[in-house]
Amino acid sequence: MQSTASLMEKVNMERLRTIIAVIDPSEEKQISLEKALPLARKTKANIIAYLCDYLPHEKMTKATSVREGRKTFVAERKAWLQGIIDTLDTSDVMVEAKVEYGKFWYTAVLRAASRLRGDLIIKSTEKHSKSKRLLTKTSDYTLLRRSPCPVLLARDSQPWQQGKLLAALDLESEDEGHFRLNSSIMHKAHFFHDLLGLDVHIVSACNPKGEFAQLSADDSLDDGLTPAEQVGEYFDVPTDHIQLIDGPAVDVITKTAKDMSPDMIIIGTVARTGVKGILVGNTAERILDGIDCDILAIS
């Protein structure tokens, strides 16, 4: 069982080495790059500005072959991307433009993240209407579920100014998979607290007077503490920054986020075939579309 001391030791060892900023080929303003730059400066990480784009073969009218057409298209897109990078303040940061040809950007990003050993993926995102959700499974959620590293979905390019971070935990689960997921979420929460000065808050949809298996296994916790006090001591968060609220996870998390207006919310995701996480299926999609702040997803 992980203790608070071991959690904080991991935080102290945390380092971002490679940030992958996913480029939107339809936009001149790249939110992912603008979010990545201040993080890279603070952590000395490198940024890979990654673009996967596609041009149908029938539109390669000037090419003598499909291979030549793809090569020309990639070169043109790389020049376009480099032009955008050149307009930004990249002082003290190494930014590499990487362009690949492909129709399905999200699978290309997943492969690139593994191949390039990415520590964090940053991608701009927008809300989707209920009707749009019914018509298609969004690529954002596919990316979250299958990513080999944390994914930051950025709503805008504005710096984090509210000074608050909200970590959504599942405290009622009794399986080790959830314990590890909760610890991973709090690991990242403390990392961003140290890096950006964001105050860490915790929300959990649970019985506020209940007993939590993850905490019960820690003999160092005082039995006389309230559940909120135990959560605070275990995860090294002030008690008044903890909200244990009875109700459905979607409602509890989205309402708390709306009331608090944090800069970032950290959530856990896991694939359907594995242990059930905080966010699965429509529950995840409803939370992602129900809040306005940046979202850091960890699996």
Protein backbone atom coordinates (compact mmCIF):
# COMPACT_ATOMS: atom_id res chain seq x y z
CA MET A 1 0.00 0.00 0.00
CA GLN A 2 1.34 3.38 -1.01
CA SER A 3 1.90 5.88 1.79
CA THR A 4 1.84 9.66 1.63
CA ALA A 5 5.62 9.67 1.99
CA SER A 6 6.13 7.41 -1.04
CA LEU A 7 3.65 9.49 -3.03
CA MET A 8 5.58 12.68 -2.32
CA GLU A 9 8.86 10.94 -3.14
CA LYS A 10 7.50 10.11 -6.59
CA VAL A 11 6.39 13.72 -7.05
CA ASN A 12 9.91 14.93 -6.28
CA MET A 13 11.30 12.56 -8.92
CA GLU A 14 8.77 13.60 -11.60
CA ARG A 15 10.11 15.07 -14.77
CA LEU A 16 8.65 15.92 -18.15
CA ARG A 17 11.15 15.19 -20.91
CA THR A 18 9.00 15.10 -24.04
CA ILE A 19 5.71 16.94 -24.57
CA ILE A 20 3.74 16.09 -27.70
CA ALA A 21 1.60 19.03 -28.87
CA VAL A 22 -1.06 17.75 -31.28
CA ILE A 23 -1.45 20.20 -34.15
CA ASP A 24 -4.86 21.01 -35.63
CA PRO A 25 -4.37 21.22 -39.42
CA SER A 26 -7.44 23.46 -39.80
CA GLU A 27 -6.27 26.23 -37.46
CA GLU A 28 -3.57 28.88 -37.57
CA LYS A 29 -3.70 29.37 -33.78
CA GLN A 30 -2.37 26.27 -32.09
CA ILE A 31 -3.68 26.04 -28.52
CA SER A 32 -1.70 22.89 -27.79
CA LEU A 33 1.61 24.59 -28.60
CA GLU A 34 0.79 27.69 -26.56
CA LYS A 35 -0.09 25.50 -23.56
CA ALA A 36 3.03 23.39 -23.98
CA LEU A 37 5.55 26.24 -24.07
CA PRO A 38 5.29 27.41 -20.42
CA LEU A 39 5.35 23.81 -19.19
CA ALA A 40 8.44 23.07 -21.27
CA ARG A 41 10.22 26.16 -19.93
CA LYS A 42 9.57 25.16 -16.33
CA THR A 43 10.52 21.51 -16.78
CA LYS A 44 13.23 21.81 -19.47
CA ALA A 45 11.19 19.44 -21.63
CA ASN A 46 11.39 19.24 -25.40
CA ILE A 47 8.25 19.84 -27.47
CA ILE A 48 7.32 17.81 -30.51
CA ALA A 49 4.74 19.70 -32.57
CA TYR A 50 3.03 16.68 -34.13
CA LEU A 51 0.81 16.96 -37.19
CA CYS A 52 -0.92 14.08 -38.92
CA ASP A 53 -2.74 15.24 -42.05
CA TYR A 54 -4.34 13.72 -45.12
CA LEU A 55 -4.95 14.63 -48.74
CA PRO A 56 -7.05 12.32 -50.94
CA HIS A 57 -5.09 10.84 -53.82
CA GLU A 58 -7.47 12.30 -56.40
CA LYS A 59 -6.46 15.80 -55.25
CA MET A 60 -2.77 15.17 -55.90
CA THR A 61 -3.22 16.43 -59.43
CA LYS A 62 0.36 17.62 -59.99
CA ALA A 63 2.08 14.51 -58.67
CA THR A 64 3.43 11.84 -61.02
CA SER A 65 2.79 9.17 -58.39
CA VAL A 66 0.98 8.71 -55.07
CA ARG A 67 4.34 8.45 -53.29
CA GLU A 68 5.51 11.75 -54.76
CA GLY A 69 2.17 13.36 -53.96
CA ARG A 70 2.37 12.33 -50.32
CA LYS A 71 5.98 13.47 -50.03
CA THR A 72 5.13 16.89 -51.49
CA PHE A 73 2.07 17.25 -49.27
CA VAL A 74 4.03 16.40 -46.11
CA ALA A 75 6.75 18.88 -47.05
CA GLU A 76 4.18 21.64 -47.61
CA ARG A 77 2.49 20.93 -44.29
CA LYS A 78 5.82 20.90 -42.45
CA ALA A 79 6.68 24.30 -43.93
CA TRP A 80 3.27 25.59 -42.81
CA LEU A 81 3.78 24.22 -39.30
CA GLN A 82 7.30 25.60 -39.03
CA GLY A 83 5.90 29.00 -40.01
CA ILE A 84 3.50 28.85 -37.06
CA ILE A 85 6.27 27.81 -34.67
CA ASP A 86 8.41 30.71 -35.87
CA THR A 87 5.71 33.20 -34.79
CA LEU A 88 5.85 31.99 -31.18
CA ASP A 89 8.33 32.80 -28.43
CA THR A 90 10.30 29.57 -28.27
CA SER A 91 13.27 30.99 -26.38
CA ASP A 92 14.88 28.41 -24.07
CA VAL A 93 12.66 25.66 -25.53
CA MET A 94 13.47 23.08 -28.18
CA VAL A 95 10.49 22.65 -30.52
CA GLU A 96 10.61 20.08 -33.31
CA ALA A 97 8.05 20.02 -36.11
CA LYS A 98 7.05 16.48 -37.06
CA VAL A 99 4.55 15.77 -39.84
CA GLU A 100 3.18 12.40 -40.94
CA TYR A 101 0.66 11.42 -43.58
CA GLY A 102 -2.50 9.68 -42.39
CA LYS A 103 -6.27 9.83 -42.30
CA PHE A 104 -6.81 8.89 -38.65
CA TRP A 105 -4.83 11.37 -36.58
CA TYR A 106 -5.64 9.88 -33.19
CA THR A 107 -4.19 6.45 -33.98
CA ALA A 108 -1.13 8.18 -35.46
CA VAL A 109 -0.73 10.22 -32.25
CA LEU A 110 -0.92 7.07 -30.14
CA ARG A 111 1.79 5.38 -32.18
CA ALA A 112 3.94 8.52 -32.13
CA ALA A 113 3.60 8.90 -28.36
CA SER A 114 4.89 5.37 -27.84
CA ARG A 115 7.63 5.66 -30.45
CA LEU A 116 8.84 9.06 -29.25
CA ARG A 117 8.47 8.20 -25.56
CA GLY A 118 6.12 11.09 -24.86
CA ASP A 119 5.53 11.99 -21.21
CA LEU A 120 2.52 14.21 -21.91
CA ILE A 121 0.19 14.76 -24.87
CA ILE A 122 -1.49 18.16 -25.18
CA LYS A 123 -4.42 18.63 -27.52
CA SER A 124 -6.97 21.38 -27.98
CA THR A 125 -10.57 20.33 -27.52
CA GLU A 126 -14.11 21.62 -27.73
CA LYS A 127 -17.44 20.58 -26.33
CA HIS A 128 -19.63 18.26 -28.38
CA SER A 129 -23.41 18.41 -28.49
CA LYS A 130 -25.43 15.39 -27.43
CA SER A 131 -26.56 14.79 -31.02
CA LYS A 132 -22.96 14.83 -32.25
CA ARG A 133 -22.01 12.32 -29.57
CA LEU A 134 -24.78 10.01 -30.77
CA LEU A 135 -23.59 10.22 -34.35
CA THR A 136 -19.93 9.44 -33.77
CA LYS A 137 -17.51 8.34 -31.08
CA THR A 138 -15.22 11.31 -30.64
CA SER A 139 -11.55 10.87 -31.37
CA ASP A 140 -10.71 12.78 -28.17
CA TYR A 141 -12.15 10.03 -26.02
CA THR A 142 -10.45 7.32 -28.08
CA LEU A 143 -7.16 9.12 -27.43
CA LEU A 144 -7.83 9.33 -23.68
CA ARG A 145 -8.66 5.66 -23.30
CA ARG A 146 -5.70 4.32 -25.27
CA SER A 147 -2.92 6.82 -24.61
CA PRO A 148 0.34 5.46 -23.17
CA CYS A 149 0.85 8.71 -21.23
CA PRO A 150 -1.31 11.43 -19.62
CA VAL A 151 -3.35 13.61 -21.99
CA LEU A 152 -4.10 17.28 -21.36
CA LEU A 153 -7.17 18.51 -23.24
CA ALA A 154 -6.84 22.30 -23.42
CA ARG A 155 -9.94 24.45 -23.81
CA ASP A 156 -8.00 27.61 -24.67
CA SER A 157 -4.50 29.05 -24.76
CA GLN A 158 -4.93 31.22 -21.68
CA PRO A 159 -2.47 30.67 -18.81
CA TRP A 160 -3.73 28.98 -15.66
CA GLN A 161 -4.91 31.93 -13.54
CA GLN A 162 -7.50 30.67 -11.06
CA GLY A 163 -4.84 28.96 -8.96
CA LYS A 164 -6.92 25.81 -8.41
CA LEU A 165 -6.71 22.20 -9.48
CA LEU A 166 -9.48 19.64 -8.91
CA ALA A 167 -8.64 15.93 -8.61
CA ALA A 168 -11.59 13.56 -9.10
CA LEU A 169 -11.14 10.31 -7.15
CA ASP A 170 -13.12 7.11 -6.76
CA LEU A 171 -12.81 6.41 -3.04
CA GLU A 172 -15.52 3.76 -2.69
CA SER A 173 -13.91 1.14 -4.90
CA GLU A 174 -12.26 -1.82 -3.19
CA ASP A 175 -9.96 -3.00 -5.98
CA GLU A 176 -6.24 -2.38 -6.34
CA GLY A 177 -6.70 -0.97 -9.82
CA HIS A 178 -8.63 1.97 -8.44
CA PHE A 179 -6.15 2.45 -5.61
CA ARG A 180 -3.37 2.80 -8.18
CA LEU A 181 -5.47 5.13 -10.32
CA ASN A 182 -6.28 7.37 -7.33
CA SER A 183 -2.60 7.49 -6.39
CA SER A 184 -1.60 8.31 -9.97
CA ILE A 185 -4.12 11.17 -10.07
CA MET A 186 -2.81 12.60 -6.81
CA HIS A 187 0.78 12.11 -7.94
CA LYS A 188 0.08 14.36 -10.94
CA ALA A 189 -1.96 16.79 -8.81
CA HIS A 190 0.98 17.41 -6.47
CA PHE A 191 3.34 17.65 -9.44
CA PHE A 192 1.28 20.45 -10.99
CA HIS A 193 0.94 22.08 -7.58
CA ASP A 194 4.72 22.22 -7.29
CA LEU A 195 5.16 23.27 -10.93
CA LEU A 196 2.40 25.87 -11.33
CA GLY A 197 1.42 26.74 -7.77
CA LEU A 198 -2.13 25.41 -8.20
CA ASP A 199 -3.95 24.62 -4.93
CA VAL A 200 -5.03 20.98 -4.92
CA HIS A 201 -8.70 20.14 -4.23
CA ILE A 202 -10.29 16.68 -4.14
CA VAL A 203 -13.81 15.67 -5.12
CA SER A 204 -15.29 12.19 -4.82
CA ALA A 205 -18.80 10.89 -5.41
CA CYS A 206 -19.24 8.77 -2.29
CA ASN A 207 -20.88 8.40 1.08
CA PRO A 208 -19.28 11.29 3.03
CA LYS A 209 -19.52 9.25 6.25
CA GLY A 210 -18.30 5.98 4.77
CA GLU A 211 -15.10 4.00 5.18
CA PHE A 212 -12.71 3.78 2.25
CA ALA A 213 -10.76 0.59 1.63
CA GLN A 214 -7.70 2.35 0.25
CA LEU A 215 -7.36 4.39 3.41
CA SER A 216 -8.30 1.59 5.80
CA ALA A 217 -5.23 -0.36 4.74
CA ASP A 218 -2.98 2.43 6.01
CA ASP A 219 -2.32 1.75 9.70
CA SER A 220 -0.70 5.15 10.17
CA LEU A 221 -4.03 7.00 9.85
CA ASP A 222 -5.78 8.02 13.06
CA ASP A 223 -9.11 6.17 13.46
CA GLY A 224 -10.51 9.20 15.28
CA LEU A 225 -10.32 11.40 12.18
CA THR A 226 -13.38 12.14 10.07
CA PRO A 227 -13.46 10.58 6.57
CA ALA A 228 -12.53 13.95 5.01
CA GLU A 229 -9.66 14.37 7.47
CA GLN A 230 -8.39 10.88 6.67
CA VAL A 231 -8.52 11.59 2.95
CA GLY A 232 -6.65 14.85 3.53
CA GLU A 233 -3.95 13.21 5.62
CA TYR A 234 -3.52 10.28 3.24
CA PHE A 235 -3.21 12.43 0.11
CA ASP A 236 -1.54 15.43 1.79
CA VAL A 237 -4.38 17.88 1.03
CA PRO A 238 -6.02 20.35 3.48
CA THR A 239 -9.34 19.08 4.81
CA ASP A 240 -11.18 22.20 3.64
CA HIS A 241 -10.08 21.38 0.09
CA ILE A 242 -11.90 18.02 0.11
CA GLN A 243 -15.47 17.45 -1.01
CA LEU A 244 -17.05 14.06 -0.40
CA ILE A 245 -20.51 14.22 -1.93
CA ASP A 246 -23.18 11.56 -2.23
CA GLY A 247 -24.54 11.21 -5.76
CA PRO A 248 -23.79 10.05 -9.31
CA ALA A 249 -20.18 10.69 -10.35
CA VAL A 250 -21.16 12.71 -13.42
CA ASP A 251 -23.37 15.10 -11.45
CA VAL A 252 -20.97 15.44 -8.51
CA ILE A 253 -17.87 16.08 -10.59
CA THR A 254 -19.44 18.46 -13.11
CA LYS A 255 -21.27 20.51 -10.47
CA THR A 256 -18.18 20.80 -8.28
CA ALA A 257 -16.09 21.86 -11.28
CA LYS A 258 -18.66 24.48 -12.30
CA ASP A 259 -18.91 25.87 -8.76
CA MET A 260 -15.16 25.95 -8.23
CA SER A 261 -13.99 27.05 -11.72
CA PRO A 262 -10.58 25.35 -11.44
CA ASP A 263 -7.84 25.81 -13.99
CA MET A 264 -7.60 22.07 -14.43
CA ILE A 265 -9.44 18.91 -13.46
CA ILE A 266 -7.59 15.59 -13.26
CA ILE A 267 -9.62 12.48 -14.02
CA GLY A 268 -8.90 8.80 -14.43
CA THR A 269 -9.70 6.71 -17.49
CA VAL A 270 -9.38 3.03 -18.20
CA ALA A 271 -10.40 0.83 -21.10
CA ARG A 272 -13.70 -1.04 -20.84
CA THR A 273 -11.91 -4.38 -20.98
CA GLY A 274 -9.93 -3.60 -17.84
CA VAL A 275 -10.85 -2.59 -14.35
CA LYS A 276 -13.79 -0.19 -14.26
CA GLY A 277 -12.53 3.35 -13.74
CA ILE A 278 -14.09 6.65 -12.81
CA LEU A 279 -14.77 7.40 -16.43
CA VAL A 280 -16.18 4.81 -18.82
CA GLY A 281 -18.41 5.15 -21.85
CA ASN A 282 -21.07 7.83 -21.77
CA THR A 283 -20.11 8.82 -18.23
CA ALA A 284 -16.75 10.03 -19.45
CA GLU A 285 -18.20 11.84 -22.42
CA ARG A 286 -20.78 13.63 -20.30
CA ILE A 287 -18.11 14.84 -17.87
CA LEU A 288 -15.80 15.97 -20.66
CA ASP A 289 -18.60 17.96 -22.26
CA GLY A 290 -19.97 19.28 -18.97
CA ILE A 291 -16.96 21.30 -17.79
CA ASP A 292 -15.13 24.27 -19.26
CA CYS A 293 -11.64 23.95 -17.77
CA ASP A 294 -8.61 22.05 -19.02
CA ILE A 295 -8.77 18.31 -18.43
CA LEU A 296 -5.82 16.09 -17.56
CA ALA A 297 -6.68 12.44 -18.11
CA ILE A 298 -4.62 9.64 -16.56
CA SER A 299 -4.98 5.93 -17.10
